[in-house]
C-alpha atoms as a PDB file:
ATOM      1  CA  GLU A   1       2.721 -18.463 -21.408  1.00  0.00           C
ATOM      2  CA  ALA A   2       0.719 -16.148 -18.710  1.00  0.00           C
ATOM      3  CA  ARG A   3       2.682 -12.676 -17.540  1.00  0.00           C
ATOM      4  CA  GLY A   4       3.371 -11.826 -14.102  1.00  0.00           C
ATOM      5  CA  CYS A   5       1.903  -8.714 -12.930  1.00  0.00           C
ATOM      6  CA  VAL A   6       3.663  -6.471 -10.740  1.00  0.00           C
ATOM      7  CA  VAL A   7       2.810  -2.853  -9.172  1.00  0.00           C
ATOM      8  CA  THR A   8       5.567  -0.003  -9.109  1.00  0.00           C
ATOM      9  CA  LYS A   9       5.415   2.966  -6.832  1.00  0.00           C
ATOM     10  CA  LEU A  10       7.301   6.002  -5.540  1.00  0.00           C
ATOM     11  CA  GLY A  11       8.598   4.648  -2.261  1.00  0.00           C
ATOM     12  CA  PHE A  12       7.569   6.650   0.745  1.00  0.00           C
ATOM     13  CA  SER A  13       4.288   7.737  -0.977  1.00  0.00           C
ATOM     14  CA  TYR A  14       0.998   7.490   0.366  1.00  0.00           C
ATOM     15  CA  GLU A  15      -0.796   8.742  -2.919  1.00  0.00           C
ATOM     16  CA  ALA A  16      -2.208   6.104  -5.325  1.00  0.00           C
ATOM     17  CA  ARG A  17      -1.275   9.092  -8.522  1.00  0.00           C
ATOM     18  CA  SER A  18       2.328   7.228  -8.420  1.00  0.00           C
ATOM     19  CA  VAL A  19       1.180   3.474  -8.518  1.00  0.00           C
ATOM     20  CA  VAL A  20       1.195   1.598 -11.948  1.00  0.00           C
ATOM     21  CA  GLU A  21       0.193  -1.830 -12.754  1.00  0.00           C
ATOM     22  CA  CYS A  22       2.403  -3.467 -15.129  1.00  0.00           C
ATOM     23  CA  TYR A  23       2.375  -6.597 -17.303  1.00  0.00           C
ATOM     24  CA  GLY A  24       5.692  -7.758 -18.347  1.00  0.00           C
ATOM     25  CA  ALA A  25       8.878  -6.296 -18.818  1.00  0.00           C
ATOM     26  CA  GLU A  26       8.156  -3.981 -21.328  1.00  0.00           C
ATOM     27  CA  GLU A  27       5.545  -2.109 -19.342  1.00  0.00           C
ATOM     28  CA  LEU A  28       7.302  -2.381 -16.167  1.00  0.00           C
ATOM     29  CA  GLY A  29      10.390  -0.681 -17.784  1.00  0.00           C
ATOM     30  CA  ASN A  30       7.843   1.933 -19.274  1.00  0.00           C
ATOM     31  CA  ALA A  31       6.156   2.719 -15.979  1.00  0.00           C
ATOM     32  CA  LEU A  32       9.354   3.535 -14.206  1.00  0.00           C
ATOM     33  CA  ARG A  33      10.844   5.558 -16.905  1.00  0.00           C
ATOM     34  CA  ASN A  34       7.553   7.556 -16.880  1.00  0.00           C
ATOM     35  CA  LEU A  35       7.583   7.840 -12.674  1.00  0.00           C
ATOM     36  CA  ALA A  36      11.159   8.619 -12.935  1.00  0.00           C
ATOM     37  CA  ASP A  37      10.052  11.595 -15.299  1.00  0.00           C
ATOM     38  CA  GLN A  38       7.437  12.684 -13.537  1.00  0.00           C
ATOM     39  CA  PHE A  39       9.061  12.535  -9.957  1.00  0.00           C
ATOM     40  CA  PRO A  40      12.961  13.349 -10.731  1.00  0.00           C
ATOM     41  CA  LEU A  41      13.385  14.393  -7.218  1.00  0.00           C
ATOM     42  CA  HIS A  42      12.633  10.883  -6.164  1.00  0.00           C
ATOM     43  CA  ASP A  43      15.245   8.021  -5.915  1.00  0.00           C
ATOM     44  CA  VAL A  44      13.092   5.328  -4.521  1.00  0.00           C
ATOM     45  CA  PHE A  45      11.013   3.456  -6.645  1.00  0.00           C
ATOM     46  CA  LEU A  46       9.401  -0.020  -5.679  1.00  0.00           C
ATOM     47  CA  VAL A  47       8.031  -2.979  -7.722  1.00  0.00           C
ATOM     48  CA  GLN A  48       6.057  -5.625  -5.756  1.00  0.00           C
ATOM     49  CA  ALA A  49       3.824  -8.582  -7.003  1.00  0.00           C
ATOM     50  CA  ARG A  50       0.333  -7.556  -7.512  1.00  0.00           C
ATOM     51  CA  VAL A  51      -1.982  -9.225  -5.337  1.00  0.00           C
ATOM     52  CA  PRO A  52      -5.212 -10.116  -6.960  1.00  0.00           C
ATOM     53  CA  ASP A  53      -8.746  -9.518  -5.557  1.00  0.00           C
ATOM     54  CA  VAL A  54      -7.785  -7.366  -2.598  1.00  0.00           C
ATOM     55  CA  ALA A  55     -10.551  -6.606  -0.422  1.00  0.00           C
ATOM     56  CA  LEU A  56      -9.253  -3.664   1.215  1.00  0.00           C
ATOM     57  CA  GLU A  57      -5.657  -2.056   2.283  1.00  0.00           C
ATOM     58  CA  LEU A  58      -5.105  -0.846   6.331  1.00  0.00           C
ATOM     59  CA  ARG A  59      -3.629   2.718   5.900  1.00  0.00           C
ATOM     60  CA  VAL A  60      -2.104   2.843   9.170  1.00  0.00           C
ATOM     61  CA  GLY A  61      -1.315   6.028  11.199  1.00  0.00           C
ATOM     62  CA  VAL A  62       1.904   5.409  13.989  1.00  0.00           C
ATOM     63  CA  VAL A  63       3.004   7.535  16.380  1.00  0.00           C
ATOM     64  CA  ARG A  64       6.336   6.480  18.265  1.00  0.00           C
ATOM     65  CA  GLY A  65       5.500   3.029  17.524  1.00  0.00           C
ATOM     66  CA  ARG A  66       2.021   2.775  18.105  1.00  0.00           C
ATOM     67  CA  VAL A  67      -0.744   2.406  15.827  1.00  0.00           C
ATOM     68  CA  ARG A  68      -3.277   5.783  16.725  1.00  0.00           C
ATOM     69  CA  ASN A  69      -5.269   5.496  13.332  1.00  0.00           C
ATOM     70  CA  ILE A  70      -6.389   3.110  10.802  1.00  0.00           C
ATOM     71  CA  ALA A  71      -8.111   4.108   7.500  1.00  0.00           C
ATOM     72  CA  TYR A  72      -9.954   1.197   5.146  1.00  0.00           C
ATOM     73  CA  THR A  73      -9.283   2.104   1.782  1.00  0.00           C
ATOM     74  CA  ARG A  74      -8.855   0.142  -1.967  1.00  0.00           C
ATOM     75  CA  MET A  75      -8.599   1.389  -5.482  1.00  0.00           C
ATOM     76  CA  GLU A  76     -11.423   0.476  -7.356  1.00  0.00           C
ATOM     77  CA  LYS A  77     -10.324   0.599 -10.937  1.00  0.00           C
ATOM     78  CA  VAL A  78      -7.171   0.247 -12.861  1.00  0.00           C
ATOM     79  CA  SER A  79      -7.022   2.622 -16.231  1.00  0.00           C
ATOM     80  CA  GLU A  80      -6.231   1.194 -19.593  1.00  0.00           C
ATOM     81  CA  HIS A  81      -2.647   2.582 -19.062  1.00  0.00           C
ATOM     82  CA  GLY A  82      -2.478   0.826 -15.602  1.00  0.00           C
ATOM     83  CA  TYR A  83      -2.951   3.732 -13.131  1.00  0.00           C
ATOM     84  CA  PHE A  84      -4.910   3.061 -10.110  1.00  0.00           C
ATOM     85  CA  HIS A  85      -7.808   5.413  -9.612  1.00  0.00           C
ATOM     86  CA  GLU A  86     -11.827   5.413  -7.846  1.00  0.00           C
ATOM     87  CA  PHE A  87     -10.190   5.389  -4.638  1.00  0.00           C
ATOM     88  CA  SER A  88     -12.658   4.804  -1.942  1.00  0.00           C
ATOM     89  CA  ALA A  89     -12.444   4.795   1.969  1.00  0.00           C
ATOM     90  CA  LEU A  90     -15.368   3.406   4.123  1.00  0.00           C
ATOM     91  CA  PRO A  91     -15.463   3.559   8.145  1.00  0.00           C
ATOM     92  CA  ARG A  92     -14.874   0.029   9.811  1.00  0.00           C
ATOM     93  CA  GLU A  93     -18.741  -1.116  10.143  1.00  0.00           C
ATOM     94  CA  ALA A  94     -19.358  -0.228   6.592  1.00  0.00           C
ATOM     95  CA  VAL A  95     -15.954  -2.436   5.554  1.00  0.00           C
ATOM     96  CA  VAL A  96     -16.942  -5.531   7.547  1.00  0.00           C
ATOM     97  CA  ALA A  97     -20.536  -4.971   5.541  1.00  0.00           C
ATOM     98  CA  SER A  98     -19.312  -4.213   2.468  1.00  0.00           C
ATOM     99  CA  TRP A  99     -16.365  -5.328   1.826  1.00  0.00           C
ATOM    100  CA  LEU A 100     -15.718  -8.651   3.834  1.00  0.00           C
ATOM    101  CA  ASP A 101     -19.343  -9.740   3.875  1.00  0.00           C
ATOM    102  CA  GLY A 102     -19.766  -9.349   7.439  1.00  0.00           C
ATOM    103  CA  ASP A 103     -16.448 -10.957   8.571  1.00  0.00           C
ATOM    104  CA  GLU A 104     -15.889  -8.784  10.981  1.00  0.00           C
ATOM    105  CA  ALA A 105     -13.216 -11.714  12.855  1.00  0.00           C
ATOM    106  CA  ALA A 106     -10.930 -11.377   9.431  1.00  0.00           C
ATOM    107  CA  LEU A 107     -10.837  -7.609   9.839  1.00  0.00           C
ATOM    108  CA  HIS A 108     -10.106  -7.695  13.364  1.00  0.00           C
ATOM    109  CA  MET A 109      -7.117 -10.457  12.399  1.00  0.00           C
ATOM    110  CA  ALA A 110      -5.744  -8.338  10.181  1.00  0.00           C
ATOM    111  CA  GLU A 111      -5.557  -4.904  12.521  1.00  0.00           C
ATOM    112  CA  LYS A 112      -3.919  -7.393  15.472  1.00  0.00           C
ATOM    113  CA  GLN A 113      -1.449  -8.373  12.756  1.00  0.00           C
ATOM    114  CA  ALA A 114      -0.753  -4.639  11.743  1.00  0.00           C
ATOM    115  CA  VAL A 115      -0.661  -3.472  15.359  1.00  0.00           C
ATOM    116  CA  ASP A 116       2.186  -6.366  16.140  1.00  0.00           C
ATOM    117  CA  LEU A 117       4.081  -5.613  12.729  1.00  0.00           C
ATOM    118  CA  CYS A 118       4.104  -1.659  13.497  1.00  0.00           C
ATOM    119  CA  SER A 119       5.428  -2.337  17.291  1.00  0.00           C
ATOM    120  CA  ARG A 120       7.898  -4.657  15.657  1.00  0.00           C
ATOM    121  CA  TRP A 121       9.239  -2.248  12.860  1.00  0.00           C
ATOM    122  CA  TRP A 122       9.597   0.606  15.433  1.00  0.00           C
ATOM    123  CA  ILE A 123      11.878  -1.846  17.588  1.00  0.00           C
ATOM    124  CA  TRP A 124      13.844  -2.476  14.711  1.00  0.00           C
ATOM    125  CA  LEU A 125      13.933   1.166  13.356  1.00  0.00           C
ATOM    126  CA  ALA A 126      15.080   2.139  16.694  1.00  0.00           C
ATOM    127  CA  THR A 127      18.181  -0.227  16.794  1.00  0.00           C
ATOM    128  CA  GLU A 128      19.308   0.795  13.316  1.00  0.00           C
ATOM    129  CA  SER A 129      19.929   4.377  14.279  1.00  0.00           C
ATOM    130  CA  ALA A 130      21.392   5.992  16.929  1.00  0.00           C
ATOM    131  CA  GLU A 131      18.845   8.548  16.837  1.00  0.00           C
ATOM    132  CA  GLU A 132      15.319   8.351  17.952  1.00  0.00           C
ATOM    133  CA  PRO A 133      13.296   7.431  15.362  1.00  0.00           C
ATOM    134  CA  VAL A 134      10.886  10.010  14.089  1.00  0.00           C
ATOM    135  CA  SER A 135       7.101   9.270  13.257  1.00  0.00           C
END
């Protein structure tokens, strides 16, 4: 029986030091307990399916619903205990050449989708509160 892989991490955190890869319920339980012990003031932990063979992650900086910056990153390795390490960041041109085998169209599509999603999320966020969202 194949065991599904998930990733657990601190909610509202952009740092990879709090991301743990887990196989099975026991590893997931241990990872959640360890994160809760290490970060006792955090009250949000996320669990998501691990996407295999990720080429890169877009880290999108948003101000008032508009994308102002995109950083191109990825985690190169996972330790024997499931912690991500060897974080890499490259400029856009190097990402296309090194991580996407020259597929600039794929990156352009991902950037376009990110811009669209961020503007939609901003509208949704603004409807959830009577106060203007802070970015």
